[in-house]
Amino acid sequence: MALETSDATFERDVLKSADPVLVDFWAPWCGPCKMVGPIIDTIAVKTEGKAKVFKLNVDENQTTACKYGITGIPTVLVFRNGVLEKQFVGLRKESDYLNALN
């Protein structure tokens, strides 16, 4: 299952991680986000020990969402060594996210 991150913990959880990190920017009212959620949770299980997977509620963490220019959700970002490597906007296949982490 994906873990939660926030404005307060994003730097520690994501930017300072030695592992690749996938972050799902979402909101509870977003229909497509509800469809991506189970995919993200599956990825968290499949990549355990190799990558970290987080969710960030954009309604509650607007500073981080704004910093990364999140204007549409769901948006999934992949970071490696604190650097943004890949961005996906909208619903994508599980394999797209997994390939971005590998």
PDB file of N, CA and C in Angstrom:
ATOM      1  N   MET A   1       0.840  -1.183   0.000  1.00  0.00           N
ATOM      2  CA  MET A   1       0.000   0.000   0.000  1.00  0.00           C
ATOM      3  C   MET A   1       0.889   1.253   0.000  1.00  0.00           C
ATOM      4  N   ALA A   2       0.490   2.231  -0.762  1.00  0.00           N
ATOM      5  CA  ALA A   2       1.242   3.481  -0.835  1.00  0.00           C
ATOM      6  C   ALA A   2       1.168   4.230   0.495  1.00  0.00           C
ATOM      7  N   LEU A   3       2.238   4.920   0.822  1.00  0.00           N
ATOM      8  CA  LEU A   3       2.299   5.724   2.030  1.00  0.00           C
ATOM      9  C   LEU A   3       1.873   7.152   1.714  1.00  0.00           C
ATOM     10  N   GLU A   4       1.517   7.913   2.746  1.00  0.00           N
ATOM     11  CA  GLU A   4       1.158   9.319   2.573  1.00  0.00           C
ATOM     12  C   GLU A   4       2.392  10.186   2.780  1.00  0.00           C
ATOM     13  N   THR A   5       2.517  11.232   1.976  1.00  0.00           N
ATOM     14  CA  THR A   5       3.515  12.258   2.196  1.00  0.00           C
ATOM     15  C   THR A   5       2.791  13.596   2.228  1.00  0.00           C
ATOM     16  N   SER A   6       3.487  14.636   2.657  1.00  0.00           N
ATOM     17  CA  SER A   6       2.853  15.945   2.823  1.00  0.00           C
ATOM     18  C   SER A   6       3.862  17.047   2.546  1.00  0.00           C
ATOM     19  N   ASP A   7       3.392  18.286   2.589  1.00  0.00           N
ATOM     20  CA  ASP A   7       4.304  19.426   2.441  1.00  0.00           C
ATOM     21  C   ASP A   7       5.434  19.325   3.471  1.00  0.00           C
ATOM     22  N   ALA A   8       5.086  18.926   4.690  1.00  0.00           N
ATOM     23  CA  ALA A   8       6.055  18.887   5.786  1.00  0.00           C
ATOM     24  C   ALA A   8       7.081  17.760   5.636  1.00  0.00           C
ATOM     25  N   THR A   9       6.703  16.661   4.974  1.00  0.00           N
ATOM     26  CA  THR A   9       7.594  15.494   4.903  1.00  0.00           C
ATOM     27  C   THR A   9       8.115  15.190   3.504  1.00  0.00           C
ATOM     28  N   PHE A  10       7.696  15.956   2.504  1.00  0.00           N
ATOM     29  CA  PHE A  10       8.042  15.662   1.109  1.00  0.00           C
ATOM     30  C   PHE A  10       9.553  15.618   0.878  1.00  0.00           C
ATOM     31  N   GLU A  11      10.269  16.571   1.419  1.00  0.00           N
ATOM     32  CA  GLU A  11      11.722  16.607   1.212  1.00  0.00           C
ATOM     33  C   GLU A  11      12.375  15.338   1.749  1.00  0.00           C
ATOM     34  N   ARG A  12      12.025  14.964   2.973  1.00  0.00           N
ATOM     35  CA  ARG A  12      12.606  13.754   3.577  1.00  0.00           C
ATOM     36  C   ARG A  12      12.147  12.496   2.845  1.00  0.00           C
ATOM     37  N   ASP A  13      10.839  12.389   2.586  1.00  0.00           N
ATOM     38  CA  ASP A  13      10.274  11.181   1.984  1.00  0.00           C
ATOM     39  C   ASP A  13      10.712  10.973   0.539  1.00  0.00           C
ATOM     40  N   VAL A  14      10.769  12.055  -0.218  1.00  0.00           N
ATOM     41  CA  VAL A  14      10.960  11.944  -1.669  1.00  0.00           C
ATOM     42  C   VAL A  14      12.331  12.429  -2.127  1.00  0.00           C
ATOM     43  N   LEU A  15      12.643  13.675  -1.826  1.00  0.00           N
ATOM     44  CA  LEU A  15      13.845  14.290  -2.384  1.00  0.00           C
ATOM     45  C   LEU A  15      15.139  13.732  -1.808  1.00  0.00           C
ATOM     46  N   LYS A  16      15.106  13.276  -0.571  1.00  0.00           N
ATOM     47  CA  LYS A  16      16.314  12.735   0.059  1.00  0.00           C
ATOM     48  C   LYS A  16      16.367  11.214   0.058  1.00  0.00           C
ATOM     49  N   SER A  17      15.453  10.589  -0.650  1.00  0.00           N
ATOM     50  CA  SER A  17      15.409   9.128  -0.700  1.00  0.00           C
ATOM     51  C   SER A  17      16.534   8.582  -1.571  1.00  0.00           C
ATOM     52  N   ALA A  18      17.169   7.522  -1.099  1.00  0.00           N
ATOM     53  CA  ALA A  18      18.197   6.836  -1.882  1.00  0.00           C
ATOM     54  C   ALA A  18      17.559   5.941  -2.937  1.00  0.00           C
ATOM     55  N   ASP A  19      16.291   5.598  -2.739  1.00  0.00           N
ATOM     56  CA  ASP A  19      15.557   4.743  -3.681  1.00  0.00           C
ATOM     57  C   ASP A  19      14.773   5.604  -4.663  1.00  0.00           C
ATOM     58  N   PRO A  20      14.447   5.069  -5.842  1.00  0.00           N
ATOM     59  CA  PRO A  20      13.523   5.777  -6.726  1.00  0.00           C
ATOM     60  C   PRO A  20      12.187   5.964  -6.012  1.00  0.00           C
ATOM     61  N   VAL A  21      11.491   7.052  -6.309  1.00  0.00           N
ATOM     62  CA  VAL A  21      10.235   7.358  -5.634  1.00  0.00           C
ATOM     63  C   VAL A  21       9.162   7.724  -6.653  1.00  0.00           C
ATOM     64  N   LEU A  22       7.997   7.130  -6.500  1.00  0.00           N
ATOM     65  CA  LEU A  22       6.826   7.470  -7.295  1.00  0.00           C
ATOM     66  C   LEU A  22       5.855   8.198  -6.380  1.00  0.00           C
ATOM     67  N   VAL A  23       5.340   9.342  -6.827  1.00  0.00           N
ATOM     68  CA  VAL A  23       4.387  10.116  -6.032  1.00  0.00           C
ATOM     69  C   VAL A  23       3.114  10.333  -6.831  1.00  0.00           C
ATOM     70  N   ASP A  24       1.996   9.925  -6.258  1.00  0.00           N
ATOM     71  CA  ASP A  24       0.678  10.109  -6.849  1.00  0.00           C
ATOM     72  C   ASP A  24       0.051  11.363  -6.243  1.00  0.00           C
ATOM     73  N   PHE A  25      -0.110  12.411  -7.053  1.00  0.00           N
ATOM     74  CA  PHE A  25      -0.790  13.634  -6.626  1.00  0.00           C
ATOM     75  C   PHE A  25      -2.278  13.440  -6.924  1.00  0.00           C
ATOM     76  N   TRP A  26      -3.109  13.510  -5.890  1.00  0.00           N
ATOM     77  CA  TRP A  26      -4.509  13.138  -6.014  1.00  0.00           C
ATOM     78  C   TRP A  26      -5.387  14.006  -5.103  1.00  0.00           C
ATOM     79  N   ALA A  27      -6.696  13.816  -5.193  1.00  0.00           N
ATOM     80  CA  ALA A  27      -7.667  14.433  -4.278  1.00  0.00           C
ATOM     81  C   ALA A  27      -8.847  13.471  -4.128  1.00  0.00           C
ATOM     82  N   PRO A  28      -9.489  13.483  -2.966  1.00  0.00           N
ATOM     83  CA  PRO A  28     -10.577  12.534  -2.709  1.00  0.00           C
ATOM     84  C   PRO A  28     -11.789  12.703  -3.632  1.00  0.00           C
ATOM     85  N   TRP A  29     -12.014  13.891  -4.163  1.00  0.00           N
ATOM     86  CA  TRP A  29     -13.173  14.156  -5.025  1.00  0.00           C
ATOM     87  C   TRP A  29     -12.929  13.812  -6.490  1.00  0.00           C
ATOM     88  N   CYS A  30     -11.708  13.408  -6.832  1.00  0.00           N
ATOM     89  CA  CYS A  30     -11.285  13.177  -8.220  1.00  0.00           C
ATOM     90  C   CYS A  30     -11.612  11.743  -8.650  1.00  0.00           C
ATOM     91  N   GLY A  31     -12.532  11.591  -9.608  1.00  0.00           N
ATOM     92  CA  GLY A  31     -12.922  10.265 -10.102  1.00  0.00           C
ATOM     93  C   GLY A  31     -11.763   9.474 -10.681  1.00  0.00           C
ATOM     94  N   PRO A  32     -10.997  10.040 -11.634  1.00  0.00           N
ATOM     95  CA  PRO A  32      -9.864   9.293 -12.179  1.00  0.00           C
ATOM     96  C   PRO A  32      -8.822   8.926 -11.111  1.00  0.00           C
ATOM     97  N   CYS A  33      -8.691   9.767 -10.079  1.00  0.00           N
ATOM     98  CA  CYS A  33      -7.757   9.456  -8.988  1.00  0.00           C
ATOM     99  C   CYS A  33      -8.167   8.170  -8.277  1.00  0.00           C
ATOM    100  N   LYS A  34      -9.469   7.966  -8.157  1.00  0.00           N
ATOM    101  CA  LYS A  34      -9.971   6.752  -7.508  1.00  0.00           C
ATOM    102  C   LYS A  34      -9.659   5.523  -8.350  1.00  0.00           C
ATOM    103  N   MET A  35      -9.540   5.716  -9.662  1.00  0.00           N
ATOM    104  CA  MET A  35      -9.189   4.603 -10.542  1.00  0.00           C
ATOM    105  C   MET A  35      -7.688   4.323 -10.498  1.00  0.00           C
ATOM    106  N   VAL A  36      -6.869   5.354 -10.342  1.00  0.00           N
ATOM    107  CA  VAL A  36      -5.411   5.200 -10.276  1.00  0.00           C
ATOM    108  C   VAL A  36      -4.985   4.632  -8.919  1.00  0.00           C
ATOM    109  N   GLY A  37      -5.706   4.961  -7.871  1.00  0.00           N
ATOM    110  CA  GLY A  37      -5.345   4.562  -6.508  1.00  0.00           C
ATOM    111  C   GLY A  37      -4.977   3.096  -6.342  1.00  0.00           C
ATOM    112  N   PRO A  38      -5.834   2.169  -6.797  1.00  0.00           N
ATOM    113  CA  PRO A  38      -5.493   0.746  -6.654  1.00  0.00           C
ATOM    114  C   PRO A  38      -4.253   0.349  -7.455  1.00  0.00           C
ATOM    115  N   ILE A  39      -4.027   0.980  -8.599  1.00  0.00           N
ATOM    116  CA  ILE A  39      -2.826   0.707  -9.394  1.00  0.00           C
ATOM    117  C   ILE A  39      -1.584   1.128  -8.611  1.00  0.00           C
ATOM    118  N   ILE A  40      -1.660   2.309  -7.997  1.00  0.00           N
ATOM    119  CA  ILE A  40      -0.540   2.823  -7.211  1.00  0.00           C
ATOM    120  C   ILE A  40      -0.258   1.907  -6.021  1.00  0.00           C
ATOM    121  N   ASP A  41      -1.310   1.435  -5.364  1.00  0.00           N
ATOM    122  CA  ASP A  41      -1.130   0.522  -4.228  1.00  0.00           C
ATOM    123  C   ASP A  41      -0.485  -0.789  -4.669  1.00  0.00           C
ATOM    124  N   THR A  42      -0.853  -1.293  -5.830  1.00  0.00           N
ATOM    125  CA  THR A  42      -0.255  -2.520  -6.366  1.00  0.00           C
ATOM    126  C   THR A  42       1.224  -2.305  -6.659  1.00  0.00           C
ATOM    127  N   ILE A  43       1.550  -1.159  -7.223  1.00  0.00           N
ATOM    128  CA  ILE A  43       2.949  -0.841  -7.520  1.00  0.00           C
ATOM    129  C   ILE A  43       3.766  -0.786  -6.228  1.00  0.00           C
ATOM    130  N   ALA A  44       3.181  -0.229  -5.173  1.00  0.00           N
ATOM    131  CA  ALA A  44       3.873  -0.160  -3.883  1.00  0.00           C
ATOM    132  C   ALA A  44       4.239  -1.558  -3.402  1.00  0.00           C
ATOM    133  N   VAL A  45       3.345  -2.506  -3.567  1.00  0.00           N
ATOM    134  CA  VAL A  45       3.600  -3.885  -3.148  1.00  0.00           C
ATOM    135  C   VAL A  45       4.669  -4.525  -4.044  1.00  0.00           C
ATOM    136  N   LYS A  46       4.535  -4.334  -5.352  1.00  0.00           N
ATOM    137  CA  LYS A  46       5.462  -4.969  -6.303  1.00  0.00           C
ATOM    138  C   LYS A  46       6.883  -4.410  -6.220  1.00  0.00           C
ATOM    139  N   THR A  47       7.037  -3.177  -5.774  1.00  0.00           N
ATOM    140  CA  THR A  47       8.371  -2.552  -5.745  1.00  0.00           C
ATOM    141  C   THR A  47       8.935  -2.421  -4.333  1.00  0.00           C
ATOM    142  N   GLU A  48       8.280  -3.054  -3.375  1.00  0.00           N
ATOM    143  CA  GLU A  48       8.740  -2.955  -1.983  1.00  0.00           C
ATOM    144  C   GLU A  48      10.203  -3.380  -1.879  1.00  0.00           C
ATOM    145  N   GLY A  49      10.996  -2.540  -1.206  1.00  0.00           N
ATOM    146  CA  GLY A  49      12.414  -2.816  -1.047  1.00  0.00           C
ATOM    147  C   GLY A  49      13.270  -2.298  -2.193  1.00  0.00           C
ATOM    148  N   LYS A  50      12.639  -1.906  -3.308  1.00  0.00           N
ATOM    149  CA  LYS A  50      13.375  -1.406  -4.471  1.00  0.00           C
ATOM    150  C   LYS A  50      13.044   0.055  -4.778  1.00  0.00           C
ATOM    151  N   ALA A  51      11.841   0.474  -4.401  1.00  0.00           N
ATOM    152  CA  ALA A  51      11.387   1.843  -4.654  1.00  0.00           C
ATOM    153  C   ALA A  51      10.393   2.220  -3.566  1.00  0.00           C
ATOM    154  N   LYS A  52      10.130   3.518  -3.460  1.00  0.00           N
ATOM    155  CA  LYS A  52       9.134   4.010  -2.506  1.00  0.00           C
ATOM    156  C   LYS A  52       7.963   4.590  -3.288  1.00  0.00           C
ATOM    157  N   VAL A  53       6.765   4.413  -2.743  1.00  0.00           N
ATOM    158  CA  VAL A  53       5.554   4.898  -3.398  1.00  0.00           C
ATOM    159  C   VAL A  53       4.743   5.702  -2.379  1.00  0.00           C
ATOM    160  N   PHE A  54       4.444   6.936  -2.763  1.00  0.00           N
ATOM    161  CA  PHE A  54       3.698   7.839  -1.892  1.00  0.00           C
ATOM    162  C   PHE A  54       2.506   8.420  -2.615  1.00  0.00           C
ATOM    163  N   LYS A  55       1.533   8.871  -1.807  1.00  0.00           N
ATOM    164  CA  LYS A  55       0.396   9.637  -2.300  1.00  0.00           C
ATOM    165  C   LYS A  55       0.461  11.001  -1.622  1.00  0.00           C
ATOM    166  N   LEU A  56       0.085  12.050  -2.361  1.00  0.00           N
ATOM    167  CA  LEU A  56       0.044  13.390  -1.805  1.00  0.00           C
ATOM    168  C   LEU A  56      -1.299  14.013  -2.157  1.00  0.00           C
ATOM    169  N   ASN A  57      -2.085  14.316  -1.138  1.00  0.00           N
ATOM    170  CA  ASN A  57      -3.399  14.943  -1.323  1.00  0.00           C
ATOM    171  C   ASN A  57      -3.173  16.414  -1.668  1.00  0.00           C
ATOM    172  N   VAL A  58      -3.527  16.825  -2.892  1.00  0.00           N
ATOM    173  CA  VAL A  58      -3.251  18.191  -3.340  1.00  0.00           C
ATOM    174  C   VAL A  58      -4.096  19.230  -2.615  1.00  0.00           C
ATOM    175  N   ASP A  59      -5.263  18.841  -2.118  1.00  0.00           N
ATOM    176  CA  ASP A  59      -6.102  19.784  -1.370  1.00  0.00           C
ATOM    177  C   ASP A  59      -5.454  20.160  -0.039  1.00  0.00           C
ATOM    178  N   GLU A  60      -4.781  19.219   0.568  1.00  0.00           N
ATOM    179  CA  GLU A  60      -4.175  19.435   1.879  1.00  0.00           C
ATOM    180  C   GLU A  60      -2.704  19.855   1.792  1.00  0.00           C
ATOM    181  N   ASN A  61      -2.098  19.756   0.629  1.00  0.00           N
ATOM    182  CA  ASN A  61      -0.662  20.024   0.457  1.00  0.00           C
ATOM    183  C   ASN A  61      -0.422  20.860  -0.796  1.00  0.00           C
ATOM    184  N   GLN A  62      -0.995  22.039  -0.801  1.00  0.00           N
ATOM    185  CA  GLN A  62      -0.953  22.888  -1.989  1.00  0.00           C
ATOM    186  C   GLN A  62       0.441  23.439  -2.289  1.00  0.00           C
ATOM    187  N   THR A  63       1.291  23.588  -1.284  1.00  0.00           N
ATOM    188  CA  THR A  63       2.635  24.125  -1.507  1.00  0.00           C
ATOM    189  C   THR A  63       3.429  23.207  -2.430  1.00  0.00           C
ATOM    190  N   THR A  64       3.439  21.926  -2.129  1.00  0.00           N
ATOM    191  CA  THR A  64       4.187  20.972  -2.948  1.00  0.00           C
ATOM    192  C   THR A  64       3.552  20.825  -4.322  1.00  0.00           C
ATOM    193  N   ALA A  65       2.233  20.749  -4.375  1.00  0.00           N
ATOM    194  CA  ALA A  65       1.541  20.634  -5.664  1.00  0.00           C
ATOM    195  C   ALA A  65       1.861  21.834  -6.550  1.00  0.00           C
ATOM    196  N   CYS A  66       1.876  23.007  -5.971  1.00  0.00           N
ATOM    197  CA  CYS A  66       2.181  24.229  -6.715  1.00  0.00           C
ATOM    198  C   CYS A  66       3.641  24.237  -7.181  1.00  0.00           C
ATOM    199  N   LYS A  67       4.539  23.801  -6.310  1.00  0.00           N
ATOM    200  CA  LYS A  67       5.966  23.776  -6.643  1.00  0.00           C
ATOM    201  C   LYS A  67       6.244  22.939  -7.890  1.00  0.00           C
ATOM    202  N   TYR A  68       5.478  21.852  -8.058  1.00  0.00           N
ATOM    203  CA  TYR A  68       5.691  20.968  -9.203  1.00  0.00           C
ATOM    204  C   TYR A  68       4.690  21.218 -10.334  1.00  0.00           C
ATOM    205  N   GLY A  69       3.965  22.327 -10.250  1.00  0.00           N
ATOM    206  CA  GLY A  69       3.082  22.736 -11.336  1.00  0.00           C
ATOM    207  C   GLY A  69       1.934  21.782 -11.603  1.00  0.00           C
ATOM    208  N   ILE A  70       1.414  21.178 -10.545  1.00  0.00           N
ATOM    209  CA  ILE A  70       0.317  20.227 -10.707  1.00  0.00           C
ATOM    210  C   ILE A  70      -0.969  21.003 -10.979  1.00  0.00           C
ATOM    211  N   THR A  71      -1.472  20.902 -12.197  1.00  0.00           N
ATOM    212  CA  THR A  71      -2.701  21.609 -12.570  1.00  0.00           C
ATOM    213  C   THR A  71      -3.823  20.641 -12.902  1.00  0.00           C
ATOM    214  N   GLY A  72      -3.488  19.388 -13.128  1.00  0.00           N
ATOM    215  CA  GLY A  72      -4.476  18.352 -13.386  1.00  0.00           C
ATOM    216  C   GLY A  72      -4.136  17.120 -12.589  1.00  0.00           C
ATOM    217  N   ILE A  73      -5.173  16.461 -12.103  1.00  0.00           N
ATOM    218  CA  ILE A  73      -4.945  15.239 -11.338  1.00  0.00           C
ATOM    219  C   ILE A  73      -5.794  14.123 -11.918  1.00  0.00           C
ATOM    220  N   PRO A  74      -5.365  12.886 -11.798  1.00  0.00           N
ATOM    221  CA  PRO A  74      -4.144  12.461 -11.131  1.00  0.00           C
ATOM    222  C   PRO A  74      -2.894  12.802 -11.953  1.00  0.00           C
ATOM    223  N   THR A  75      -1.856  13.181 -11.235  1.00  0.00           N
ATOM    224  CA  THR A  75      -0.533  13.343 -11.816  1.00  0.00           C
ATOM    225  C   THR A  75       0.413  12.471 -11.007  1.00  0.00           C
ATOM    226  N   VAL A  76       1.230  11.703 -11.691  1.00  0.00           N
ATOM    227  CA  VAL A  76       2.200  10.832 -11.034  1.00  0.00           C
ATOM    228  C   VAL A  76       3.587  11.281 -11.457  1.00  0.00           C
ATOM    229  N   LEU A  77       4.425  11.567 -10.462  1.00  0.00           N
ATOM    230  CA  LEU A  77       5.804  11.974 -10.718  1.00  0.00           C
ATOM    231  C   LEU A  77       6.753  10.887 -10.221  1.00  0.00           C
ATOM    232  N   VAL A  78       7.842  10.693 -10.952  1.00  0.00           N
ATOM    233  CA  VAL A  78       8.868   9.734 -10.553  1.00  0.00           C
ATOM    234  C   VAL A  78      10.167  10.503 -10.334  1.00  0.00           C
ATOM    235  N   PHE A  79      10.739  10.319  -9.152  1.00  0.00           N
ATOM    236  CA  PHE A  79      11.983  10.980  -8.757  1.00  0.00           C
ATOM    237  C   PHE A  79      13.081   9.947  -8.577  1.00  0.00           C
ATOM    238  N   ARG A  80      14.308  10.330  -8.917  1.00  0.00           N
ATOM    239  CA  ARG A  80      15.477   9.504  -8.663  1.00  0.00           C
ATOM    240  C   ARG A  80      16.570  10.438  -8.149  1.00  0.00           C
ATOM    241  N   ASN A  81      17.104  10.132  -6.965  1.00  0.00           N
ATOM    242  CA  ASN A  81      18.124  10.984  -6.334  1.00  0.00           C
ATOM    243  C   ASN A  81      17.654  12.436  -6.206  1.00  0.00           C
ATOM    244  N   GLY A  82      16.380  12.616  -5.881  1.00  0.00           N
ATOM    245  CA  GLY A  82      15.832  13.950  -5.666  1.00  0.00           C
ATOM    246  C   GLY A  82      15.515  14.728  -6.923  1.00  0.00           C
ATOM    247  N   VAL A  83      15.701  14.107  -8.082  1.00  0.00           N
ATOM    248  CA  VAL A  83      15.477  14.785  -9.361  1.00  0.00           C
ATOM    249  C   VAL A  83      14.232  14.213 -10.035  1.00  0.00           C
ATOM    250  N   LEU A  84      13.364  15.102 -10.482  1.00  0.00           N
ATOM    251  CA  LEU A  84      12.172  14.675 -11.218  1.00  0.00           C
ATOM    252  C   LEU A  84      12.598  14.088 -12.558  1.00  0.00           C
ATOM    253  N   GLU A  85      12.213  12.831 -12.792  1.00  0.00           N
ATOM    254  CA  GLU A  85      12.592  12.140 -14.030  1.00  0.00           C
ATOM    255  C   GLU A  85      11.448  11.966 -15.001  1.00  0.00           C
ATOM    256  N   LYS A  86      10.248  11.746 -14.492  1.00  0.00           N
ATOM    257  CA  LYS A  86       9.131  11.391 -15.354  1.00  0.00           C
ATOM    258  C   LYS A  86       7.840  11.965 -14.778  1.00  0.00           C
ATOM    259  N   GLN A  87       6.928  12.348 -15.662  1.00  0.00           N
ATOM    260  CA  GLN A  87       5.633  12.877 -15.241  1.00  0.00           C
ATOM    261  C   GLN A  87       4.538  12.246 -16.088  1.00  0.00           C
ATOM    262  N   PHE A  88       3.501  11.770 -15.426  1.00  0.00           N
ATOM    263  CA  PHE A  88       2.334  11.205 -16.088  1.00  0.00           C
ATOM    264  C   PHE A  88       1.102  11.970 -15.619  1.00  0.00           C
ATOM    265  N   VAL A  89       0.302  12.451 -16.554  1.00  0.00           N
ATOM    266  CA  VAL A  89      -0.941  13.139 -16.203  1.00  0.00           C
ATOM    267  C   VAL A  89      -2.094  12.293 -16.713  1.00  0.00           C
ATOM    268  N   GLY A  90      -3.058  12.042 -15.823  1.00  0.00           N
ATOM    269  CA  GLY A  90      -4.204  11.220 -16.187  1.00  0.00           C
ATOM    270  C   GLY A  90      -3.951   9.752 -15.899  1.00  0.00           C
ATOM    271  N   LEU A  91      -4.927   8.958 -16.220  1.00  0.00           N
ATOM    272  CA  LEU A  91      -4.886   7.522 -15.956  1.00  0.00           C
ATOM    273  C   LEU A  91      -3.945   6.831 -16.941  1.00  0.00           C
ATOM    274  N   ARG A  92      -3.038   6.040 -16.412  1.00  0.00           N
ATOM    275  CA  ARG A  92      -2.082   5.283 -17.232  1.00  0.00           C
ATOM    276  C   ARG A  92      -2.098   3.823 -16.797  1.00  0.00           C
ATOM    277  N   LYS A  93      -1.466   2.968 -17.596  1.00  0.00           N
ATOM    278  CA  LYS A  93      -1.374   1.549 -17.268  1.00  0.00           C
ATOM    279  C   LYS A  93      -0.318   1.340 -16.178  1.00  0.00           C
ATOM    280  N   GLU A  94      -0.501   0.290 -15.416  1.00  0.00           N
ATOM    281  CA  GLU A  94       0.458  -0.077 -14.370  1.00  0.00           C
ATOM    282  C   GLU A  94       1.866  -0.213 -14.942  1.00  0.00           C
ATOM    283  N   SER A  95       1.986  -0.812 -16.110  1.00  0.00           N
ATOM    284  CA  SER A  95       3.303  -1.038 -16.710  1.00  0.00           C
ATOM    285  C   SER A  95       4.030   0.280 -16.999  1.00  0.00           C
ATOM    286  N   ASP A  96       3.297   1.343 -17.332  1.00  0.00           N
ATOM    287  CA  ASP A  96       3.932   2.647 -17.570  1.00  0.00           C
ATOM    288  C   ASP A  96       4.647   3.131 -16.314  1.00  0.00           C
ATOM    289  N   TYR A  97       3.973   3.012 -15.175  1.00  0.00           N
ATOM    290  CA  TYR A  97       4.559   3.453 -13.913  1.00  0.00           C
ATOM    291  C   TYR A  97       5.729   2.553 -13.500  1.00  0.00           C
ATOM    292  N   LEU A  98       5.547   1.250 -13.646  1.00  0.00           N
ATOM    293  CA  LEU A  98       6.617   0.312 -13.280  1.00  0.00           C
ATOM    294  C   LEU A  98       7.862   0.532 -14.131  1.00  0.00           C
ATOM    295  N   ASN A  99       7.677   0.732 -15.426  1.00  0.00           N
ATOM    296  CA  ASN A  99       8.808   0.975 -16.317  1.00  0.00           C
ATOM    297  C   ASN A  99       9.550   2.248 -15.940  1.00  0.00           C
ATOM    298  N   ALA A 100       8.838   3.254 -15.494  1.00  0.00           N
ATOM    299  CA  ALA A 100       9.465   4.514 -15.100  1.00  0.00           C
ATOM    300  C   ALA A 100      10.303   4.340 -13.836  1.00  0.00           C
ATOM    301  N   LEU A 101       9.935   3.407 -12.980  1.00  0.00           N
ATOM    302  CA  LEU A 101      10.686   3.156 -11.747  1.00  0.00           C
ATOM    303  C   LEU A 101      11.926   2.304 -12.003  1.00  0.00           C
ATOM    304  N   ASN A 102      11.904   1.500 -13.056  1.00  0.00           N
ATOM    305  CA  ASN A 102      13.020   0.575 -13.332  1.00  0.00           C
ATOM    306  C   ASN A 102      14.087   1.188 -14.191  1.00  0.00           C
TER     307      ASN A 102
END
